[in-house]
């Protein structure tokens, strides 16, 4: 599909379709390693992921694969995860999630997070720079979508969505990636109220005694 800013509806649809395709690939223990607009085709109103030429089986343990993983950086720098840029042999499916986040950011914002950089600057930015929040660049993007994309762009793989399926779920159910903080139990609330009330009474008593 074309690069650059898309309508919110079209961008959301592509984001979801690619996440769904990645969920299927990852369930088969395959990571793509080169998610970018050029590798996404639009057919009959839906997006399909193509070009698994640099894909790798998560369970692969051949010597040639180990050499590639440890000594070579594979992929496209503009969309590459920090761990992929570092040729980290522990790179897993969450690298695809990062690349999807870069592509989604571009669809909604009109540019990738670190556009206009040299290859070296790109790799450094992926590792160190926090992109400008998508919700600031394009406020019309639904908050749950913007938050999910920014979560995909977290530097640490563990801070990203655990799976592409989580992305699909968040889009379909309009849920945020951020964990909800459970309210304290009623007994804890009552205890806090009692402590505050006692504190107020003591303060009033002290003031009354002082001004006698």
N, C-alpha and C. Protein backbone atom coordinates (compact mmCIF):
# COMPACT_ATOMS: atom_id res chain seq x y z
N UNK A 1 0.84 -1.19 0.00
CA UNK A 1 0.00 0.00 0.00
C UNK A 1 0.88 1.25 0.00
N UNK A 2 0.28 2.37 -0.25
CA UNK A 2 1.06 3.61 -0.32
C UNK A 2 1.55 4.01 1.07
N UNK A 3 2.75 4.62 1.09
CA UNK A 3 3.29 5.12 2.34
C UNK A 3 2.67 6.47 2.66
N UNK A 4 2.80 6.89 3.91
CA UNK A 4 2.28 8.19 4.30
C UNK A 4 0.96 8.10 5.03
N UNK A 5 0.36 9.26 5.29
CA UNK A 5 -0.86 9.34 6.10
C UNK A 5 -2.07 8.76 5.38
N UNK A 6 -2.82 7.94 6.10
CA UNK A 6 -4.05 7.36 5.58
C UNK A 6 -5.22 7.84 6.42
N UNK A 7 -6.42 7.60 5.94
CA UNK A 7 -7.59 7.92 6.76
C UNK A 7 -7.56 7.02 7.99
N UNK A 8 -8.20 7.48 9.04
CA UNK A 8 -8.18 6.72 10.28
C UNK A 8 -8.82 5.34 10.10
N UNK A 9 -9.91 5.30 9.33
CA UNK A 9 -10.58 4.02 9.10
C UNK A 9 -9.70 3.04 8.34
N UNK A 10 -9.06 3.51 7.26
CA UNK A 10 -8.21 2.63 6.46
C UNK A 10 -6.98 2.19 7.25
N UNK A 11 -6.37 3.13 7.96
CA UNK A 11 -5.18 2.79 8.74
C UNK A 11 -5.50 1.77 9.83
N UNK A 12 -6.64 1.94 10.49
CA UNK A 12 -7.04 1.00 11.53
C UNK A 12 -7.28 -0.39 10.95
N UNK A 13 -7.92 -0.45 9.79
CA UNK A 13 -8.20 -1.73 9.15
C UNK A 13 -6.90 -2.46 8.78
N UNK A 14 -5.94 -1.73 8.23
CA UNK A 14 -4.66 -2.34 7.85
C UNK A 14 -3.90 -2.78 9.10
N UNK A 15 -3.88 -1.94 10.10
CA UNK A 15 -3.22 -2.26 11.37
C UNK A 15 -3.76 -3.58 11.93
N UNK A 16 -5.07 -3.72 11.92
CA UNK A 16 -5.70 -4.93 12.45
C UNK A 16 -5.39 -6.15 11.59
N UNK A 17 -5.49 -5.99 10.26
CA UNK A 17 -5.26 -7.13 9.36
C UNK A 17 -3.83 -7.65 9.47
N UNK A 18 -2.87 -6.74 9.54
CA UNK A 18 -1.47 -7.16 9.64
C UNK A 18 -1.21 -7.81 10.99
N UNK A 19 -1.81 -7.27 12.05
CA UNK A 19 -1.66 -7.88 13.37
C UNK A 19 -2.24 -9.30 13.36
N UNK A 20 -3.38 -9.46 12.70
CA UNK A 20 -4.00 -10.79 12.63
C UNK A 20 -3.12 -11.76 11.84
N UNK A 21 -2.51 -11.28 10.73
CA UNK A 21 -1.62 -12.12 9.94
C UNK A 21 -0.39 -12.52 10.75
N UNK A 22 0.14 -11.57 11.51
CA UNK A 22 1.32 -11.87 12.33
C UNK A 22 0.97 -12.85 13.45
N UNK A 23 -0.21 -12.70 14.01
CA UNK A 23 -0.64 -13.65 15.04
C UNK A 23 -0.64 -15.07 14.50
N UNK A 24 -1.12 -15.23 13.27
CA UNK A 24 -1.12 -16.56 12.65
C UNK A 24 0.30 -17.06 12.42
N UNK A 25 1.16 -16.19 11.86
CA UNK A 25 2.55 -16.58 11.60
C UNK A 25 3.27 -16.95 12.90
N UNK A 26 3.07 -16.14 13.92
CA UNK A 26 3.73 -16.41 15.20
C UNK A 26 3.22 -17.70 15.84
N UNK A 27 1.94 -18.00 15.61
CA UNK A 27 1.39 -19.25 16.16
C UNK A 27 2.04 -20.46 15.51
N UNK A 28 2.60 -20.25 14.31
CA UNK A 28 3.32 -21.31 13.59
C UNK A 28 4.82 -21.22 13.84
N UNK A 29 5.19 -20.40 14.84
CA UNK A 29 6.59 -20.23 15.23
C UNK A 29 7.45 -19.59 14.15
N UNK A 30 6.84 -18.65 13.41
CA UNK A 30 7.56 -17.93 12.36
C UNK A 30 7.55 -16.44 12.66
N UNK A 31 8.72 -15.79 12.62
CA UNK A 31 8.78 -14.33 12.72
C UNK A 31 9.16 -13.78 11.35
N UNK A 32 8.54 -12.68 10.96
CA UNK A 32 8.70 -12.15 9.61
C UNK A 32 10.04 -11.42 9.42
N UNK A 33 10.36 -10.51 10.34
CA UNK A 33 11.60 -9.76 10.38
C UNK A 33 11.72 -8.63 9.36
N UNK A 34 10.68 -8.35 8.58
CA UNK A 34 10.76 -7.24 7.64
C UNK A 34 9.37 -6.66 7.36
N UNK A 35 8.65 -6.34 8.43
CA UNK A 35 7.32 -5.73 8.28
C UNK A 35 7.49 -4.27 7.87
N UNK A 36 6.89 -3.90 6.74
CA UNK A 36 6.95 -2.54 6.20
C UNK A 36 5.86 -2.42 5.14
N UNK A 37 5.50 -1.20 4.72
CA UNK A 37 4.42 -1.03 3.74
C UNK A 37 4.61 -1.82 2.45
N UNK A 38 5.85 -1.92 1.99
CA UNK A 38 6.11 -2.63 0.73
C UNK A 38 5.76 -4.12 0.81
N UNK A 39 5.71 -4.64 2.02
CA UNK A 39 5.41 -6.06 2.20
C UNK A 39 3.97 -6.30 2.64
N UNK A 40 3.13 -5.32 2.45
CA UNK A 40 1.70 -5.46 2.76
C UNK A 40 0.91 -5.14 1.50
N UNK A 41 0.12 -6.08 1.04
CA UNK A 41 -0.69 -5.89 -0.15
C UNK A 41 -2.15 -5.73 0.23
N UNK A 42 -2.84 -4.82 -0.45
CA UNK A 42 -4.26 -4.61 -0.22
C UNK A 42 -5.04 -5.31 -1.32
N UNK A 43 -5.88 -6.26 -0.92
CA UNK A 43 -6.70 -6.99 -1.89
C UNK A 43 -8.11 -7.14 -1.36
N UNK A 44 -9.08 -6.76 -2.19
CA UNK A 44 -10.50 -6.90 -1.83
C UNK A 44 -10.81 -6.29 -0.47
N UNK A 45 -10.22 -5.14 -0.21
CA UNK A 45 -10.54 -4.42 1.02
C UNK A 45 -9.84 -4.93 2.27
N UNK A 46 -8.91 -5.85 2.14
CA UNK A 46 -8.17 -6.34 3.30
C UNK A 46 -6.69 -6.34 3.00
N UNK A 47 -5.88 -6.39 4.05
CA UNK A 47 -4.42 -6.35 3.91
C UNK A 47 -3.84 -7.74 4.10
N UNK A 48 -2.86 -8.06 3.27
CA UNK A 48 -2.18 -9.36 3.37
C UNK A 48 -0.68 -9.12 3.46
N UNK A 49 -0.03 -9.87 4.34
CA UNK A 49 1.42 -9.75 4.53
C UNK A 49 2.13 -10.66 3.53
N UNK A 50 3.14 -10.11 2.85
CA UNK A 50 3.88 -10.88 1.85
C UNK A 50 5.36 -10.88 2.18
N UNK A 51 6.14 -11.53 1.32
CA UNK A 51 7.60 -11.55 1.38
C UNK A 51 8.13 -12.04 2.73
N UNK A 52 8.03 -13.34 2.92
CA UNK A 52 8.61 -13.96 4.10
C UNK A 52 10.04 -14.42 3.81
N UNK A 53 10.70 -13.74 2.88
CA UNK A 53 12.04 -14.15 2.45
C UNK A 53 13.08 -14.11 3.54
N UNK A 54 12.94 -13.23 4.53
CA UNK A 54 13.91 -13.18 5.61
C UNK A 54 13.32 -13.71 6.92
N UNK A 55 12.17 -14.37 6.80
CA UNK A 55 11.53 -14.92 8.00
C UNK A 55 12.39 -16.01 8.61
N UNK A 56 12.20 -16.21 9.91
CA UNK A 56 12.97 -17.23 10.60
C UNK A 56 12.06 -18.01 11.55
N UNK A 57 12.26 -19.29 11.61
CA UNK A 57 11.50 -20.12 12.55
C UNK A 57 12.02 -19.86 13.95
N UNK A 58 11.09 -19.59 14.87
CA UNK A 58 11.49 -19.32 16.26
C UNK A 58 12.21 -20.50 16.87
N UNK A 59 11.87 -21.69 16.43
CA UNK A 59 12.47 -22.88 17.03
C UNK A 59 13.70 -23.36 16.27
N UNK A 60 14.11 -22.60 15.22
CA UNK A 60 15.24 -23.03 14.41
C UNK A 60 16.51 -23.07 15.23
N UNK A 61 17.32 -24.09 15.01
CA UNK A 61 18.56 -24.22 15.77
C UNK A 61 19.72 -24.67 14.89
N UNK A 62 19.60 -24.46 13.57
CA UNK A 62 20.67 -24.87 12.68
C UNK A 62 21.85 -23.93 12.85
N UNK A 63 23.04 -24.41 12.55
CA UNK A 63 24.23 -23.60 12.73
C UNK A 63 24.22 -22.37 11.85
N UNK A 64 23.71 -22.48 10.62
CA UNK A 64 23.68 -21.34 9.71
C UNK A 64 22.77 -20.25 10.25
N UNK A 65 21.66 -20.65 10.87
CA UNK A 65 20.73 -19.66 11.42
C UNK A 65 21.35 -18.95 12.61
N UNK A 66 22.10 -19.69 13.43
CA UNK A 66 22.74 -19.08 14.58
C UNK A 66 23.77 -18.05 14.12
N UNK A 67 24.48 -18.35 13.05
CA UNK A 67 25.48 -17.41 12.55
C UNK A 67 24.79 -16.15 12.05
N UNK A 68 23.72 -16.31 11.31
CA UNK A 68 22.97 -15.15 10.80
C UNK A 68 22.45 -14.30 11.95
N UNK A 69 21.85 -14.96 12.94
CA UNK A 69 21.25 -14.23 14.05
C UNK A 69 22.29 -13.48 14.86
N UNK A 70 23.46 -14.08 15.06
CA UNK A 70 24.45 -13.47 15.94
C UNK A 70 25.33 -12.46 15.22
N UNK A 71 25.48 -12.57 13.91
CA UNK A 71 26.45 -11.72 13.24
C UNK A 71 25.91 -10.80 12.17
N UNK A 72 24.64 -10.87 11.84
CA UNK A 72 24.10 -10.07 10.75
C UNK A 72 22.80 -9.40 11.17
N UNK A 73 22.62 -8.17 10.70
CA UNK A 73 21.37 -7.47 10.92
C UNK A 73 20.51 -7.63 9.68
N UNK A 74 19.34 -8.23 9.84
CA UNK A 74 18.45 -8.51 8.72
C UNK A 74 17.19 -7.66 8.86
N UNK A 75 16.77 -7.03 7.77
CA UNK A 75 15.56 -6.23 7.81
C UNK A 75 15.77 -4.86 7.20
N UNK A 76 14.80 -3.97 7.40
CA UNK A 76 14.85 -2.62 6.86
C UNK A 76 15.02 -1.63 8.01
N UNK A 77 16.13 -0.87 8.05
CA UNK A 77 16.45 -0.01 9.19
C UNK A 77 15.31 0.90 9.64
N UNK A 78 14.53 1.43 8.72
CA UNK A 78 13.45 2.35 9.07
C UNK A 78 12.41 1.70 9.99
N UNK A 79 12.24 0.38 9.88
CA UNK A 79 11.19 -0.32 10.62
C UNK A 79 11.75 -1.35 11.59
N UNK A 80 13.03 -1.28 11.87
CA UNK A 80 13.71 -2.33 12.62
C UNK A 80 13.62 -2.12 14.13
N UNK A 81 13.37 -3.19 14.87
CA UNK A 81 13.33 -3.10 16.33
C UNK A 81 14.73 -2.92 16.89
N UNK A 82 14.85 -2.39 18.10
CA UNK A 82 16.17 -2.21 18.70
C UNK A 82 16.97 -3.50 18.78
N UNK A 83 16.31 -4.59 19.17
CA UNK A 83 17.02 -5.86 19.30
C UNK A 83 17.40 -6.44 17.95
N UNK A 84 16.58 -6.19 16.94
CA UNK A 84 16.90 -6.66 15.60
C UNK A 84 18.08 -5.86 15.03
N UNK A 85 18.09 -4.55 15.30
CA UNK A 85 19.19 -3.70 14.85
C UNK A 85 20.51 -4.11 15.47
N UNK A 86 20.44 -4.62 16.70
CA UNK A 86 21.64 -5.06 17.40
C UNK A 86 22.02 -6.50 17.05
N UNK A 87 21.28 -7.13 16.14
CA UNK A 87 21.52 -8.52 15.74
C UNK A 87 21.51 -9.44 16.97
N UNK A 88 20.59 -9.14 17.88
CA UNK A 88 20.47 -9.95 19.10
C UNK A 88 19.92 -11.33 18.74
N UNK A 89 20.66 -12.41 19.05
CA UNK A 89 20.16 -13.75 18.71
C UNK A 89 18.90 -14.14 19.46
N UNK A 90 18.56 -13.39 20.51
CA UNK A 90 17.35 -13.70 21.28
C UNK A 90 16.12 -12.99 20.71
N UNK A 91 16.27 -12.31 19.58
CA UNK A 91 15.14 -11.62 18.95
C UNK A 91 13.98 -12.58 18.70
N UNK A 92 12.77 -12.18 19.11
CA UNK A 92 11.63 -13.07 18.95
C UNK A 92 10.47 -12.35 18.25
N UNK A 93 9.27 -12.88 18.37
CA UNK A 93 8.10 -12.35 17.65
C UNK A 93 7.78 -10.91 18.01
N UNK A 94 8.24 -10.45 19.17
CA UNK A 94 7.94 -9.07 19.59
C UNK A 94 8.70 -8.05 18.75
N UNK A 95 9.70 -8.50 18.01
CA UNK A 95 10.37 -7.62 17.05
C UNK A 95 9.42 -7.25 15.92
N UNK A 96 8.64 -8.21 15.47
CA UNK A 96 7.61 -7.93 14.45
C UNK A 96 6.59 -6.94 14.98
N UNK A 97 6.26 -7.05 16.25
CA UNK A 97 5.28 -6.14 16.85
C UNK A 97 5.82 -4.70 16.84
N UNK A 98 7.11 -4.55 17.11
CA UNK A 98 7.73 -3.22 17.04
C UNK A 98 7.65 -2.67 15.62
N UNK A 99 8.03 -3.49 14.64
CA UNK A 99 7.99 -3.06 13.24
C UNK A 99 6.58 -2.68 12.81
N UNK A 100 5.61 -3.45 13.28
CA UNK A 100 4.20 -3.12 13.00
C UNK A 100 3.85 -1.78 13.61
N UNK A 101 4.37 -1.50 14.81
CA UNK A 101 4.13 -0.22 15.45
C UNK A 101 4.69 0.94 14.64
N UNK A 102 5.89 0.76 14.08
CA UNK A 102 6.49 1.80 13.24
C UNK A 102 5.62 2.05 12.01
N UNK A 103 5.19 0.97 11.37
CA UNK A 103 4.37 1.09 10.17
C UNK A 103 3.02 1.74 10.49
N UNK A 104 2.41 1.36 11.61
CA UNK A 104 1.13 1.94 12.01
C UNK A 104 1.30 3.42 12.33
N UNK A 105 2.38 3.76 13.01
CA UNK A 105 2.67 5.17 13.32
C UNK A 105 2.72 5.98 12.04
N UNK A 106 3.38 5.43 11.02
CA UNK A 106 3.49 6.12 9.75
C UNK A 106 2.12 6.29 9.09
N UNK A 107 1.28 5.28 9.16
CA UNK A 107 -0.04 5.35 8.53
C UNK A 107 -0.88 6.46 9.15
N UNK A 108 -0.78 6.62 10.46
CA UNK A 108 -1.60 7.62 11.14
C UNK A 108 -0.95 9.00 11.17
N UNK A 109 0.39 9.05 11.33
CA UNK A 109 1.08 10.33 11.49
C UNK A 109 1.59 10.91 10.19
N UNK A 110 1.72 10.07 9.16
CA UNK A 110 2.23 10.56 7.89
C UNK A 110 3.70 10.31 7.67
N UNK A 111 4.44 10.02 8.74
CA UNK A 111 5.87 9.72 8.67
C UNK A 111 6.22 8.70 9.74
N UNK A 112 7.29 7.96 9.51
CA UNK A 112 7.79 7.05 10.54
C UNK A 112 8.35 7.89 11.69
N UNK A 113 8.52 7.30 12.87
CA UNK A 113 8.98 8.09 14.02
C UNK A 113 10.31 8.79 13.82
N UNK A 114 11.21 8.20 13.05
CA UNK A 114 12.56 8.76 12.92
C UNK A 114 12.92 9.01 11.45
N UNK A 115 11.99 9.54 10.69
CA UNK A 115 12.23 9.76 9.27
C UNK A 115 13.33 10.82 9.07
N UNK A 116 13.97 10.76 7.92
CA UNK A 116 14.99 11.74 7.58
C UNK A 116 16.34 11.48 8.22
N UNK A 117 16.58 10.27 8.73
CA UNK A 117 17.85 9.95 9.37
C UNK A 117 18.70 9.04 8.46
N UNK A 118 20.00 9.06 8.71
CA UNK A 118 20.87 8.09 8.04
C UNK A 118 20.65 6.73 8.68
N UNK A 119 21.19 5.70 8.07
CA UNK A 119 21.02 4.35 8.62
C UNK A 119 21.57 4.28 10.04
N UNK A 120 22.76 4.82 10.26
CA UNK A 120 23.35 4.79 11.60
C UNK A 120 22.47 5.54 12.59
N UNK A 121 21.98 6.71 12.19
CA UNK A 121 21.11 7.50 13.08
C UNK A 121 19.81 6.78 13.37
N UNK A 122 19.28 6.08 12.37
CA UNK A 122 18.05 5.31 12.57
C UNK A 122 18.23 4.23 13.62
N UNK A 123 19.30 3.46 13.49
CA UNK A 123 19.53 2.37 14.43
C UNK A 123 19.73 2.91 15.83
N UNK A 124 20.41 4.05 15.93
CA UNK A 124 20.62 4.67 17.24
C UNK A 124 19.30 5.17 17.82
N UNK A 125 18.46 5.77 16.96
CA UNK A 125 17.17 6.30 17.43
C UNK A 125 16.25 5.18 17.90
N UNK A 126 16.22 4.07 17.17
CA UNK A 126 15.39 2.94 17.59
C UNK A 126 15.79 2.47 18.99
N UNK A 127 17.07 2.56 19.29
CA UNK A 127 17.58 2.06 20.57
C UNK A 127 17.41 3.07 21.70
N UNK A 128 17.41 4.39 21.37
CA UNK A 128 17.52 5.38 22.44
C UNK A 128 16.41 6.44 22.49
N UNK A 129 15.82 6.80 21.36
CA UNK A 129 14.88 7.92 21.33
C UNK A 129 13.43 7.48 21.49
N UNK A 130 12.70 8.25 22.26
CA UNK A 130 11.27 8.00 22.41
C UNK A 130 10.52 8.82 21.37
N UNK A 131 9.72 8.18 20.53
CA UNK A 131 9.00 8.94 19.50
C UNK A 131 7.96 9.87 20.11
N UNK A 132 7.66 10.93 19.38
CA UNK A 132 6.63 11.87 19.83
C UNK A 132 5.30 11.14 19.90
N UNK A 133 4.53 11.31 20.97
CA UNK A 133 3.26 10.59 21.11
C UNK A 133 2.35 10.80 19.90
N UNK A 134 1.80 9.71 19.41
CA UNK A 134 0.94 9.77 18.24
C UNK A 134 -0.29 10.63 18.49
N UNK A 135 -0.81 10.56 19.71
CA UNK A 135 -2.00 11.34 20.05
C UNK A 135 -1.76 12.84 19.99
N UNK A 136 -0.50 13.27 20.12
CA UNK A 136 -0.16 14.69 20.02
C UNK A 136 -0.08 15.11 18.56
N UNK A 137 0.50 14.23 17.74
CA UNK A 137 0.66 14.53 16.32
C UNK A 137 -0.70 14.55 15.60
N UNK A 138 -1.56 13.59 15.95
CA UNK A 138 -2.87 13.51 15.29
C UNK A 138 -3.93 13.19 16.35
N UNK A 139 -4.44 14.20 17.01
CA UNK A 139 -5.39 14.00 18.10
C UNK A 139 -6.65 13.22 17.73
N UNK A 140 -6.99 13.20 16.44
CA UNK A 140 -8.22 12.51 16.02
C UNK A 140 -8.10 10.99 16.11
N UNK A 141 -6.88 10.49 16.24
CA UNK A 141 -6.71 9.03 16.35
C UNK A 141 -7.33 8.57 17.67
N UNK A 142 -8.20 7.56 17.66
CA UNK A 142 -8.80 7.07 18.91
C UNK A 142 -7.71 6.73 19.92
N UNK A 143 -7.96 7.08 21.17
CA UNK A 143 -6.93 6.94 22.20
C UNK A 143 -6.45 5.50 22.35
N UNK A 144 -7.36 4.52 22.24
CA UNK A 144 -6.93 3.14 22.43
C UNK A 144 -6.02 2.67 21.30
N UNK A 145 -6.20 3.24 20.10
CA UNK A 145 -5.33 2.91 18.98
C UNK A 145 -3.97 3.57 19.18
N UNK A 146 -3.98 4.86 19.52
CA UNK A 146 -2.72 5.58 19.72
C UNK A 146 -1.89 4.95 20.83
N UNK A 147 -2.55 4.57 21.92
CA UNK A 147 -1.83 3.96 23.03
C UNK A 147 -1.25 2.61 22.65
N UNK A 148 -1.98 1.83 21.87
CA UNK A 148 -1.49 0.53 21.45
C UNK A 148 -0.27 0.67 20.55
N UNK A 149 -0.31 1.63 19.63
CA UNK A 149 0.82 1.84 18.74
C UNK A 149 2.05 2.27 19.53
N UNK A 150 1.88 3.18 20.47
CA UNK A 150 3.02 3.61 21.28
C UNK A 150 3.55 2.46 22.14
N UNK A 151 2.66 1.58 22.56
CA UNK A 151 3.11 0.40 23.32
C UNK A 151 3.94 -0.53 22.44
N UNK A 152 3.55 -0.65 21.18
CA UNK A 152 4.33 -1.48 20.24
C UNK A 152 5.74 -0.93 20.08
N UNK A 153 5.90 0.37 20.26
CA UNK A 153 7.19 1.02 20.04
C UNK A 153 8.07 1.09 21.28
N UNK A 154 7.68 0.40 22.32
CA UNK A 154 8.52 0.37 23.52
C UNK A 154 9.87 -0.27 23.20
N UNK A 155 10.93 0.25 23.83
CA UNK A 155 12.28 -0.26 23.55
C UNK A 155 12.46 -1.69 24.04
N UNK A 156 11.96 -1.97 25.22
CA UNK A 156 12.09 -3.31 25.79
C UNK A 156 10.98 -4.22 25.23
N UNK A 157 11.34 -5.36 24.67
CA UNK A 157 10.31 -6.28 24.16
C UNK A 157 9.25 -6.62 25.21
N UNK A 158 9.68 -6.74 26.47
CA UNK A 158 8.75 -7.13 27.53
C UNK A 158 7.69 -6.06 27.80
N UNK A 159 7.96 -4.82 27.37
CA UNK A 159 7.00 -3.73 27.60
C UNK A 159 6.01 -3.58 26.45
N UNK A 160 6.20 -4.33 25.38
CA UNK A 160 5.28 -4.28 24.24
C UNK A 160 4.12 -5.25 24.48
N UNK A 161 3.08 -5.18 23.65
CA UNK A 161 2.03 -6.19 23.74
C UNK A 161 2.65 -7.58 23.65
N UNK A 162 2.17 -8.50 24.43
CA UNK A 162 2.76 -9.84 24.48
C UNK A 162 2.58 -10.60 23.18
N UNK A 163 1.53 -10.26 22.44
CA UNK A 163 1.27 -10.97 21.19
C UNK A 163 0.51 -10.07 20.23
N UNK A 164 0.56 -10.43 18.95
CA UNK A 164 -0.22 -9.69 17.96
C UNK A 164 -1.70 -9.84 18.21
N UNK A 165 -2.09 -10.93 18.83
CA UNK A 165 -3.50 -11.15 19.15
C UNK A 165 -4.01 -10.09 20.12
N UNK A 166 -3.13 -9.64 21.02
CA UNK A 166 -3.51 -8.58 21.96
C UNK A 166 -3.86 -7.29 21.21
N UNK A 167 -3.16 -7.04 20.12
CA UNK A 167 -3.43 -5.85 19.32
C UNK A 167 -4.81 -5.94 18.69
N UNK A 168 -5.10 -7.09 18.11
CA UNK A 168 -6.41 -7.31 17.48
C UNK A 168 -7.51 -7.14 18.53
N UNK A 169 -7.31 -7.71 19.70
CA UNK A 169 -8.31 -7.63 20.77
C UNK A 169 -8.54 -6.17 21.18
N UNK A 170 -7.45 -5.41 21.32
CA UNK A 170 -7.57 -4.01 21.73
C UNK A 170 -8.31 -3.19 20.70
N UNK A 171 -8.05 -3.46 19.43
CA UNK A 171 -8.74 -2.72 18.37
C UNK A 171 -10.23 -3.06 18.36
N UNK A 172 -10.54 -4.34 18.47
CA UNK A 172 -11.93 -4.78 18.40
C UNK A 172 -12.75 -4.36 19.62
N UNK A 173 -12.09 -4.27 20.76
CA UNK A 173 -12.82 -4.00 22.00
C UNK A 173 -12.56 -2.62 22.58
N UNK A 174 -11.81 -1.81 21.83
CA UNK A 174 -11.53 -0.44 22.25
C UNK A 174 -10.95 -0.38 23.65
N UNK A 175 -10.01 -1.28 23.91
CA UNK A 175 -9.38 -1.32 25.22
C UNK A 175 -7.98 -0.73 25.13
N UNK A 176 -7.50 -0.22 26.25
CA UNK A 176 -6.17 0.36 26.32
C UNK A 176 -5.14 -0.70 26.65
N UNK A 177 -3.90 -0.47 26.20
CA UNK A 177 -2.81 -1.40 26.55
C UNK A 177 -2.43 -1.24 28.01
N UNK A 178 -2.67 -0.05 28.55
CA UNK A 178 -2.27 0.20 29.93
C UNK A 178 -3.13 -0.61 30.88
N UNK A 179 -2.48 -1.21 31.86
CA UNK A 179 -3.20 -2.04 32.83
C UNK A 179 -4.10 -1.16 33.69
N UNK A 180 -5.27 -1.66 33.91
CA UNK A 180 -6.19 -0.93 34.78
C UNK A 180 -5.80 -1.15 36.24
N UNK A 181 -5.82 -0.09 37.01
CA UNK A 181 -5.50 -0.22 38.43
C UNK A 181 -6.79 -0.52 39.18
N UNK A 182 -6.83 -1.66 39.84
CA UNK A 182 -8.04 -2.06 40.55
C UNK A 182 -8.28 -1.15 41.74
N UNK A 183 -9.53 -0.77 41.98
CA UNK A 183 -9.81 0.08 43.14
C UNK A 183 -9.58 -0.70 44.41
N UNK A 184 -9.16 -0.03 45.49
CA UNK A 184 -8.93 -0.74 46.74
C UNK A 184 -10.22 -1.34 47.27
N UNK A 185 -10.13 -2.44 48.02
CA UNK A 185 -11.34 -3.05 48.56
C UNK A 185 -12.04 -2.12 49.52
N UNK A 186 -13.36 -2.31 49.70
CA UNK A 186 -14.14 -1.42 50.56
C UNK A 186 -13.56 -1.26 51.95
N UNK A 187 -13.03 -2.35 52.54
CA UNK A 187 -12.49 -2.27 53.89
C UNK A 187 -11.31 -1.33 53.93
N UNK A 188 -10.47 -1.35 52.86
CA UNK A 188 -9.32 -0.45 52.81
C UNK A 188 -9.77 0.99 52.70
N UNK A 189 -10.83 1.22 51.90
CA UNK A 189 -11.37 2.57 51.76
C UNK A 189 -11.88 3.08 53.10
N UNK A 190 -12.60 2.22 53.85
CA UNK A 190 -13.14 2.63 55.15
C UNK A 190 -12.02 2.96 56.12
N UNK A 191 -10.94 2.15 56.07
CA UNK A 191 -9.80 2.39 56.96
C UNK A 191 -9.18 3.75 56.67
N UNK A 192 -9.02 4.07 55.38
CA UNK A 192 -8.45 5.36 55.01
C UNK A 192 -9.32 6.50 55.50
N UNK A 193 -10.63 6.34 55.37
CA UNK A 193 -11.56 7.39 55.80
C UNK A 193 -11.46 7.60 57.31
N UNK A 194 -11.37 6.50 58.06
CA UNK A 194 -11.27 6.60 59.52
C UNK A 194 -9.99 7.30 59.93
N UNK A 195 -8.87 6.92 59.28
CA UNK A 195 -7.58 7.54 59.61
C UNK A 195 -7.61 9.04 59.33
N UNK A 196 -8.19 9.42 58.20
CA UNK A 196 -8.28 10.84 57.85
C UNK A 196 -9.16 11.58 58.85
N UNK A 197 -10.28 10.96 59.20
CA UNK A 197 -11.20 11.59 60.15
C UNK A 197 -10.54 11.79 61.51
N UNK A 198 -9.81 10.78 61.98
CA UNK A 198 -9.13 10.89 63.27
C UNK A 198 -8.10 12.00 63.20
N UNK A 199 -7.38 12.08 62.08
CA UNK A 199 -6.37 13.13 61.93
C UNK A 199 -6.98 14.51 61.99
N UNK A 200 -8.13 14.67 61.34
CA UNK A 200 -8.81 15.97 61.36
C UNK A 200 -9.27 16.33 62.77
N UNK A 201 -9.84 15.34 63.49
CA UNK A 201 -10.31 15.59 64.86
C UNK A 201 -9.16 15.98 65.77
N UNK A 202 -8.01 15.29 65.64
CA UNK A 202 -6.85 15.62 66.46
C UNK A 202 -6.36 17.03 66.18
N UNK A 203 -6.35 17.40 64.90
CA UNK A 203 -5.91 18.75 64.52
C UNK A 203 -6.83 19.81 65.11
N UNK A 204 -8.15 19.55 65.04
CA UNK A 204 -9.11 20.50 65.60
C UNK A 204 -8.97 20.60 67.11
N UNK A 205 -8.72 19.47 67.76
CA UNK A 205 -8.54 19.47 69.21
C UNK A 205 -7.33 20.27 69.62
N UNK A 206 -6.24 20.11 68.90
CA UNK A 206 -5.02 20.85 69.18
C UNK A 206 -5.21 22.35 68.99
N UNK A 207 -5.92 22.69 67.90
CA UNK A 207 -6.19 24.11 67.66
C UNK A 207 -7.06 24.70 68.77
N UNK A 208 -8.08 23.94 69.21
CA UNK A 208 -8.97 24.41 70.27
C UNK A 208 -8.20 24.63 71.57
N UNK A 209 -7.29 23.69 71.85
CA UNK A 209 -6.49 23.82 73.10
C UNK A 209 -5.55 24.99 73.01
N UNK A 210 -4.97 25.24 71.82
CA UNK A 210 -4.00 26.30 71.64
C UNK A 210 -4.64 27.68 71.82
N UNK A 211 -5.89 27.82 71.35
CA UNK A 211 -6.54 29.12 71.39
C UNK A 211 -7.41 29.33 72.64
N UNK A 212 -7.28 28.48 73.64
CA UNK A 212 -8.03 28.66 74.87
C UNK A 212 -7.65 29.95 75.59
